[in-house]
Amino acid sequence: MIHILLSTYNGERYLAEQLDSIIAQTCTDWRLFVRDDGSTDATMQVLEKYAKADRRIALMTDGENIGACHSFERLLMRCGEADYYAFADQDDVWKPEKLAVCVTEMHRQELLHPGKPIVVHTDLQVVDEHLHEIAPSFWQYGGICPDILDDNIHFLAICNSVTGCAMLMNDAARQAILPFPPHVFMHDAWTGIRVLAAEGVVVPVYQTTICYRQHTDNVCGAQHYRFRLTNLKEKYQMAQRSYRTGHPLAFRNKMHFLWWKMRYFFVLHTYRLRRSA
């Protein structure tokens, strides 16, 4: 059984398409738990309509506005036990095989790493608000290299490769990541580094399973992680969030963070040169 966790906030515009794509999954052994984070539009009406039509959909509303990260944490804490857990965003569209692809890889990893916390995550197709393709691969679009990130807690804390809506975790991973520290900015970055800190594994799947919709209201959209002089303020803010999320699991102090950040840039540059040769 897979528990799918969806946090909503003023998502009426795209929500029905996302719900339809979840219902259309080729893997049907799932339940969808939805927590609304205090919407003021017609989000709740959309959710109530779908929950009435499909008993696998359960609403867990409490009226509080606590932000996306801790809304997902509350869902994880209240949804009950399952074999696997998947996060969902309100504005994406899942490809029909999304869950099946993740479960297949999860089963393979569980044979290799019995009893370990495991996260598998896929690439995403970047699309605009009308689902027209912007880029066939989010990893290529954002300059993200899971090959050098997913088995190194310091690198993963500097440049997160694990997109929440594209991941599947087992119950050991769920137990490892709860509760979230109050300073954590996003649930996916915390999940990846906390699983590695618990001697678990984070595994990339080089297949796109989601249409990752970009629009003006994204909480955290498809960003370019390549260095540019024109976005120094943004990079500084991202570095601050990375340090807060990774301290003290990955970084003892800010000097330790800076040392690993410089090392990451060197390894990344070497990796790209080797790939282009």
Protein backbone atom coordinates (compact mmCIF):
# COMPACT_ATOMS: atom_id res chain seq x y z
CA MET A 1 0.00 0.00 0.00
CA ILE A 2 1.18 3.50 -0.91
CA HIS A 3 0.04 6.56 1.01
CA ILE A 4 0.08 9.60 -1.28
CA LEU A 5 0.28 12.88 0.63
CA LEU A 6 -1.03 16.07 -0.97
CA SER A 7 -0.91 19.51 0.65
CA THR A 8 -3.11 22.14 -0.98
CA TYR A 9 -3.36 25.91 -0.76
CA ASN A 10 -5.51 27.98 -3.12
CA GLY A 11 -4.99 25.36 -5.80
CA GLU A 12 -8.36 25.29 -7.54
CA ARG A 13 -6.89 26.25 -10.93
CA TYR A 14 -4.87 23.07 -11.51
CA LEU A 15 -5.99 20.70 -8.77
CA ALA A 16 -8.50 18.65 -10.77
CA GLU A 17 -5.86 17.75 -13.39
CA GLN A 18 -3.52 16.51 -10.66
CA LEU A 19 -6.24 14.47 -8.96
CA ASP A 20 -7.26 12.94 -12.30
CA SER A 21 -3.65 11.94 -12.99
CA ILE A 22 -3.36 10.23 -9.60
CA ILE A 23 -6.60 8.35 -10.12
CA ALA A 24 -5.32 7.24 -13.55
CA GLN A 25 -2.17 5.57 -12.16
CA THR A 26 -1.45 2.08 -13.47
CA CYS A 27 -0.51 1.15 -9.90
CA THR A 28 -3.82 1.20 -8.04
CA ASP A 29 -2.79 0.11 -4.53
CA TRP A 30 -2.85 3.57 -2.96
CA ARG A 31 -4.72 5.94 -0.69
CA LEU A 32 -4.59 9.70 -1.08
CA PHE A 33 -4.48 11.86 2.05
CA VAL A 34 -5.05 15.57 1.48
CA ARG A 35 -4.48 18.37 3.95
CA ASP A 36 -5.61 21.86 2.99
CA ASP A 37 -3.46 24.65 4.42
CA GLY A 38 -6.20 27.24 4.81
CA SER A 39 -7.34 27.90 1.23
CA THR A 40 -9.64 30.85 0.55
CA ASP A 41 -10.65 29.83 -2.99
CA ALA A 42 -12.67 26.83 -4.19
CA THR A 43 -9.98 24.25 -3.38
CA MET A 44 -12.06 22.58 -0.68
CA GLN A 45 -15.05 22.23 -2.98
CA VAL A 46 -12.87 20.47 -5.57
CA LEU A 47 -11.44 18.15 -2.91
CA GLU A 48 -14.85 17.31 -1.43
CA LYS A 49 -16.18 16.45 -4.87
CA TYR A 50 -13.34 14.01 -5.55
CA ALA A 51 -13.40 12.52 -2.04
CA LYS A 52 -17.11 11.83 -2.41
CA ALA A 53 -16.54 10.06 -5.74
CA ASP A 54 -13.49 7.98 -4.70
CA ARG A 55 -13.24 6.38 -1.25
CA ARG A 56 -9.46 6.16 -1.56
CA ILE A 57 -9.28 9.94 -1.05
CA ALA A 58 -9.34 11.18 2.56
CA LEU A 59 -9.41 14.83 3.63
CA MET A 60 -7.45 15.83 6.74
CA THR A 61 -8.25 19.53 7.14
CA ASP A 62 -7.75 21.43 10.40
CA GLY A 63 -8.02 25.04 9.26
CA GLU A 64 -4.44 26.04 10.16
CA ASN A 65 -1.99 27.70 7.80
CA ILE A 66 1.46 26.28 8.59
CA GLY A 67 3.20 26.33 5.20
CA ALA A 68 3.87 23.55 2.71
CA CYS A 69 6.82 21.93 4.51
CA HIS A 70 5.12 21.40 7.85
CA SER A 71 1.81 20.62 6.18
CA PHE A 72 3.51 17.60 4.59
CA GLU A 73 5.02 16.75 7.96
CA ARG A 74 1.57 16.74 9.54
CA LEU A 75 0.28 14.48 6.78
CA LEU A 76 3.16 12.04 7.37
CA MET A 77 2.43 11.98 11.08
CA ARG A 78 -1.33 11.45 10.76
CA CYS A 79 -1.82 9.26 7.68
CA GLY A 80 -1.01 5.97 9.44
CA GLU A 81 1.41 3.23 8.45
CA ALA A 82 1.89 2.01 4.90
CA ASP A 83 4.58 0.24 2.90
CA TYR A 84 5.51 3.39 0.99
CA TYR A 85 4.83 7.12 0.97
CA ALA A 86 4.75 9.60 -1.92
CA PHE A 87 4.40 13.38 -1.84
CA ALA A 88 2.24 15.15 -4.41
CA ASP A 89 2.00 18.82 -5.37
CA GLN A 90 -1.34 20.35 -6.26
CA ASP A 91 -0.34 21.78 -9.65
CA ASP A 92 1.56 18.95 -11.38
CA VAL A 93 0.35 16.13 -13.60
CA TRP A 94 1.60 12.61 -12.97
CA LYS A 95 2.32 10.33 -15.91
CA PRO A 96 0.30 7.09 -15.64
CA GLU A 97 3.33 4.93 -14.77
CA LYS A 98 4.74 7.27 -12.10
CA LEU A 99 3.98 5.11 -9.07
CA ALA A 100 4.74 1.85 -10.86
CA VAL A 101 8.21 3.04 -11.91
CA CYS A 102 9.04 4.14 -8.36
CA VAL A 103 7.71 0.95 -6.75
CA THR A 104 9.69 -1.25 -9.15
CA GLU A 105 12.92 0.53 -8.25
CA MET A 106 12.02 0.51 -4.56
CA HIS A 107 11.60 -3.28 -4.60
CA ARG A 108 15.01 -3.62 -6.25
CA GLN A 109 16.65 -1.40 -3.66
CA GLU A 110 14.98 -3.21 -0.75
CA LEU A 111 16.59 -6.44 -1.92
CA LEU A 112 19.99 -4.70 -2.01
CA HIS A 113 19.52 -2.81 1.27
CA PRO A 114 17.16 -4.79 3.53
CA GLY A 115 15.84 -2.84 6.50
CA LYS A 116 17.43 0.44 5.40
CA PRO A 117 15.66 3.79 4.97
CA ILE A 118 15.27 4.18 1.20
CA VAL A 119 14.21 7.05 -1.05
CA VAL A 120 13.91 6.63 -4.81
CA HIS A 121 13.25 9.66 -6.98
CA THR A 122 12.80 10.33 -10.67
CA ASP A 123 13.52 13.07 -13.14
CA LEU A 124 10.74 15.45 -14.19
CA GLN A 125 9.58 17.00 -17.44
CA VAL A 126 9.44 20.78 -17.06
CA VAL A 127 6.25 22.27 -18.56
CA ASP A 128 4.50 25.64 -18.58
CA GLU A 129 1.07 26.34 -17.11
CA HIS A 130 -0.58 24.86 -20.21
CA LEU A 131 1.55 21.67 -20.02
CA HIS A 132 3.68 22.68 -23.02
CA GLU A 133 7.23 21.38 -22.65
CA ILE A 134 9.92 23.80 -21.47
CA ALA A 135 12.60 21.13 -20.99
CA PRO A 136 12.51 17.31 -21.31
CA SER A 137 14.62 16.86 -18.16
CA PHE A 138 14.53 18.96 -14.98
CA TRP A 139 17.93 17.60 -13.99
CA GLN A 140 19.51 18.83 -17.21
CA TYR A 141 17.52 22.09 -17.12
CA GLY A 142 18.63 22.85 -13.57
CA GLY A 143 22.20 21.58 -13.89
CA ILE A 144 21.54 18.88 -11.27
CA CYS A 145 23.76 15.80 -11.22
CA PRO A 146 22.31 13.04 -8.99
CA ASP A 147 25.32 10.83 -9.75
CA ILE A 148 27.51 12.96 -7.50
CA LEU A 149 24.83 14.12 -5.07
CA ASP A 150 22.75 11.17 -3.94
CA ASP A 151 25.39 9.27 -1.97
CA ASN A 152 27.13 12.28 -0.37
CA ILE A 153 25.29 13.99 2.48
CA HIS A 154 27.41 17.15 2.22
CA PHE A 155 26.83 17.58 -1.52
CA LEU A 156 23.13 16.76 -1.24
CA ALA A 157 22.71 19.37 1.49
CA ILE A 158 24.35 21.94 -0.80
CA CYS A 159 22.39 21.09 -3.95
CA ASN A 160 19.25 19.07 -3.36
CA SER A 161 18.46 16.64 -6.18
CA VAL A 162 15.42 15.04 -4.54
CA THR A 163 12.23 16.73 -5.71
CA GLY A 164 9.43 15.97 -3.26
CA CYS A 165 6.72 15.23 -5.81
CA ALA A 166 9.02 12.78 -7.64
CA MET A 167 10.06 10.65 -4.66
CA LEU A 168 8.88 7.45 -3.02
CA MET A 169 10.08 6.45 0.46
CA ASN A 170 9.69 3.32 2.54
CA ASP A 171 8.43 3.25 6.13
CA ALA A 172 11.96 3.13 7.53
CA ALA A 173 12.65 6.45 5.78
CA ARG A 174 9.44 7.94 7.16
CA GLN A 175 10.46 7.02 10.68
CA ALA A 176 13.93 8.46 10.14
CA ILE A 177 12.79 11.90 8.95
CA LEU A 178 10.10 12.58 11.58
CA PRO A 179 9.74 15.01 13.23
CA PHE A 180 10.95 17.88 11.05
CA PRO A 181 13.08 20.54 12.78
CA PRO A 182 11.27 23.91 12.88
CA HIS A 183 13.95 25.63 10.77
CA VAL A 184 13.66 23.30 7.75
CA PHE A 185 12.62 25.18 4.59
CA MET A 186 11.41 22.30 2.39
CA HIS A 187 10.46 18.72 3.16
CA ASP A 188 12.29 17.13 0.23
CA ALA A 189 15.73 18.56 1.05
CA TRP A 190 15.32 17.46 4.68
CA THR A 191 14.20 13.98 3.61
CA GLY A 192 17.24 13.34 1.43
CA ILE A 193 19.92 14.36 3.91
CA ARG A 194 18.14 12.84 6.93
CA VAL A 195 17.88 9.47 5.17
CA LEU A 196 21.60 9.55 4.35
CA ALA A 197 22.37 10.54 7.95
CA ALA A 198 20.40 7.48 9.07
CA GLU A 199 22.67 5.27 6.89
CA GLY A 200 19.94 4.90 4.30
CA VAL A 201 20.15 5.26 0.53
CA VAL A 202 18.87 7.83 -1.97
CA VAL A 203 18.55 6.45 -5.49
CA PRO A 204 17.88 8.36 -8.73
CA VAL A 205 15.74 6.91 -11.52
CA TYR A 206 16.66 8.41 -14.89
CA GLN A 207 13.12 8.62 -16.20
CA THR A 208 10.63 11.49 -16.20
CA THR A 209 7.40 10.57 -14.44
CA ILE A 210 5.84 13.99 -13.79
CA CYS A 211 4.86 17.04 -15.80
CA TYR A 212 6.39 19.65 -13.48
CA ARG A 213 4.21 22.68 -14.05
CA GLN A 214 5.79 26.14 -13.83
CA HIS A 215 3.63 29.18 -13.15
CA THR A 216 3.68 32.41 -11.18
CA ASP A 217 2.45 30.80 -7.93
CA ASN A 218 5.02 27.99 -7.55
CA VAL A 219 6.27 27.65 -3.96
CA CYS A 220 9.58 26.31 -5.26
CA GLY A 221 9.80 25.78 -9.00
CA ALA A 222 12.36 24.57 -11.54
CA GLN A 223 15.43 26.61 -10.69
CA HIS A 224 18.76 26.85 -12.48
CA TYR A 225 21.52 25.87 -10.05
CA ARG A 226 24.34 27.05 -12.31
CA PHE A 227 26.34 30.00 -11.01
CA ARG A 228 25.59 33.40 -12.60
CA LEU A 229 26.67 36.88 -11.48
CA THR A 230 23.12 38.12 -12.10
CA ASN A 231 21.56 36.05 -9.31
CA LEU A 232 23.98 36.45 -6.41
CA LYS A 233 21.24 37.47 -3.94
CA GLU A 234 19.20 34.39 -4.82
CA LYS A 235 22.27 32.16 -4.48
CA TYR A 236 23.07 33.66 -1.08
CA GLN A 237 19.52 32.96 0.13
CA MET A 238 19.73 29.39 -1.18
CA ALA A 239 23.06 28.90 0.61
CA GLN A 240 21.51 30.12 3.86
CA ARG A 241 18.64 27.63 3.51
CA SER A 242 21.07 24.84 2.65
CA TYR A 243 23.16 25.54 5.73
CA ARG A 244 20.14 25.69 8.05
CA THR A 245 18.81 22.42 6.67
CA GLY A 246 22.17 20.65 6.76
CA HIS A 247 23.33 21.86 10.18
CA PRO A 248 24.28 19.88 12.22
CA LEU A 249 23.69 16.67 10.23
CA ALA A 250 26.10 17.55 7.44
CA PHE A 251 27.90 20.71 8.58
CA ARG A 252 29.50 21.43 11.96
CA ASN A 253 29.60 25.19 11.33
CA LYS A 254 29.60 27.76 8.51
CA MET A 255 33.29 27.30 7.72
CA HIS A 256 32.69 23.56 7.33
CA PHE A 257 29.78 24.39 4.99
CA LEU A 258 31.94 26.71 2.87
CA TRP A 259 34.70 24.09 2.63
CA TRP A 260 32.25 21.49 1.34
CA LYS A 261 30.64 23.99 -1.02
CA MET A 262 34.00 24.74 -2.66
CA ARG A 263 34.72 21.02 -2.86
CA TYR A 264 31.31 20.46 -4.47
CA PHE A 265 32.02 23.04 -7.20
CA PHE A 266 35.38 21.38 -7.93
CA VAL A 267 33.86 17.89 -8.12
CA LEU A 268 30.97 19.16 -10.24
CA HIS A 269 33.33 20.90 -12.67
CA THR A 270 35.48 17.77 -12.96
CA TYR A 271 32.38 15.61 -13.48
CA ARG A 272 31.10 17.82 -16.30
CA LEU A 273 34.48 17.91 -18.01
CA ARG A 274 34.62 14.12 -17.89
CA ARG A 275 31.08 13.84 -19.27
CA SER A 276 31.81 16.22 -22.15
CA ALA A 277 35.11 14.52 -23.12
